[in-house]
Structure formats: structure tokens, C-alpha cells
Amino acid sequence: MSDNNNPEQVKKYEKNTFLFLAVFLAPILSIIVVGGFGFMVWISQLLFGPPTS
């Protein structure tokens, strides 16, 4: 961003960036993290067997 942007353009850019992060990026990343953890547990149970007490 250059120095000649007016405050309205900056606020619009910040609002759009926040909406992208909150509506799209955070849910997608949380699904990837939870799915990756589940996949890791599944593979470890295939290799080492289920947990025992």
C-alpha cells in the first residue's frame, strides 16, 4: 500500500481482509488441523494398535 491511500480505502481494505480471515481462512485452517490430527491418530493406531489401559 502506498502513502497516498485515503482512510476510507484503508478501512475498506482492512474490513475485507478481516472478513476473508474470519469467514474463510480460520474455518478452513481449523478443519485442516483437526483432520490432520485425526489422520495422525488413525495411522498411529494402524501401526501400533489401539490404546490399552
C-alpha atoms as a PDB file:
ATOM      1  CA  MET A   1       0.000   0.000   0.000  1.00  0.00           C
ATOM      2  CA  SER A   2       1.295   3.416  -0.831  1.00  0.00           C
ATOM      3  CA  ASP A   3       1.121   6.555   1.270  1.00  0.00           C
ATOM      4  CA  ASN A   4      -1.454   8.266  -0.972  1.00  0.00           C
ATOM      5  CA  ASN A   5      -4.361   5.963   0.062  1.00  0.00           C
ATOM      6  CA  ASN A   6      -7.146   7.769   1.836  1.00  0.00           C
ATOM      7  CA  PRO A   7      -8.532   6.483   5.141  1.00  0.00           C
ATOM      8  CA  GLU A   8     -11.741   5.190   3.529  1.00  0.00           C
ATOM      9  CA  GLN A   9      -9.753   2.922   1.192  1.00  0.00           C
ATOM     10  CA  VAL A  10      -7.628   1.678   4.091  1.00  0.00           C
ATOM     11  CA  LYS A  11     -10.714   0.904   6.203  1.00  0.00           C
ATOM     12  CA  LYS A  12     -12.333  -0.940   3.296  1.00  0.00           C
ATOM     13  CA  TYR A  13      -9.138  -2.945   2.746  1.00  0.00           C
ATOM     14  CA  GLU A  14      -8.904  -3.809   6.451  1.00  0.00           C
ATOM     15  CA  LYS A  15     -12.583  -4.795   6.578  1.00  0.00           C
ATOM     16  CA  ASN A  16     -12.222  -7.045   3.527  1.00  0.00           C
ATOM     17  CA  THR A  17      -9.068  -8.605   4.956  1.00  0.00           C
ATOM     18  CA  PHE A  18     -10.762  -9.284   8.298  1.00  0.00           C
ATOM     19  CA  LEU A  19     -13.798 -10.836   6.608  1.00  0.00           C
ATOM     20  CA  PHE A  20     -11.568 -13.072   4.500  1.00  0.00           C
ATOM     21  CA  LEU A  21      -9.628 -14.215   7.573  1.00  0.00           C
ATOM     22  CA  ALA A  22     -12.691 -14.713   9.779  1.00  0.00           C
ATOM     23  CA  VAL A  23     -15.087 -16.236   7.243  1.00  0.00           C
ATOM     24  CA  PHE A  24     -12.797 -18.289   5.023  1.00  0.00           C
ATOM     25  CA  LEU A  25      -9.289 -18.790   6.347  1.00  0.00           C
ATOM     26  CA  ALA A  26      -9.964 -19.604  10.027  1.00  0.00           C
ATOM     27  CA  PRO A  27     -12.599 -22.297   9.355  1.00  0.00           C
ATOM     28  CA  ILE A  28     -10.539 -23.887   6.586  1.00  0.00           C
ATOM     29  CA  LEU A  29      -7.416 -23.962   8.758  1.00  0.00           C
ATOM     30  CA  SER A  30      -9.321 -25.420  11.716  1.00  0.00           C
ATOM     31  CA  ILE A  31     -10.733 -28.198   9.517  1.00  0.00           C
ATOM     32  CA  ILE A  32      -7.248 -28.955   8.197  1.00  0.00           C
ATOM     33  CA  VAL A  33      -5.735 -29.042  11.711  1.00  0.00           C
ATOM     34  CA  VAL A  34      -8.463 -31.252  13.204  1.00  0.00           C
ATOM     35  CA  GLY A  35      -8.491 -33.527  10.156  1.00  0.00           C
ATOM     36  CA  GLY A  36      -4.723 -33.815  10.206  1.00  0.00           C
ATOM     37  CA  PHE A  37      -4.735 -34.738  13.882  1.00  0.00           C
ATOM     38  CA  GLY A  38      -7.432 -37.353  13.294  1.00  0.00           C
ATOM     39  CA  PHE A  39      -5.480 -38.776  10.368  1.00  0.00           C
ATOM     40  CA  MET A  40      -2.340 -38.933  12.503  1.00  0.00           C
ATOM     41  CA  VAL A  41      -4.204 -40.797  15.278  1.00  0.00           C
ATOM     42  CA  TRP A  42      -5.745 -43.181  12.727  1.00  0.00           C
ATOM     43  CA  ILE A  43      -2.367 -44.002  11.149  1.00  0.00           C
ATOM     44  CA  SER A  44      -0.708 -44.448  14.552  1.00  0.00           C
ATOM     45  CA  GLN A  45      -3.451 -46.864  15.593  1.00  0.00           C
ATOM     46  CA  LEU A  46      -2.974 -48.817  12.355  1.00  0.00           C
ATOM     47  CA  LEU A  47       0.753 -49.125  13.056  1.00  0.00           C
ATOM     48  CA  PHE A  48       0.809 -49.586  16.842  1.00  0.00           C
ATOM     49  CA  GLY A  49      -2.679 -50.881  17.649  1.00  0.00           C
ATOM     50  CA  PRO A  50      -5.406 -49.279  19.732  1.00  0.00           C
ATOM     51  CA  PRO A  51      -4.564 -47.720  23.077  1.00  0.00           C
ATOM     52  CA  THR A  52      -4.603 -50.066  26.033  1.00  0.00           C
ATOM     53  CA  SER A  53      -5.068 -49.337  29.703  1.00  0.00           C
END
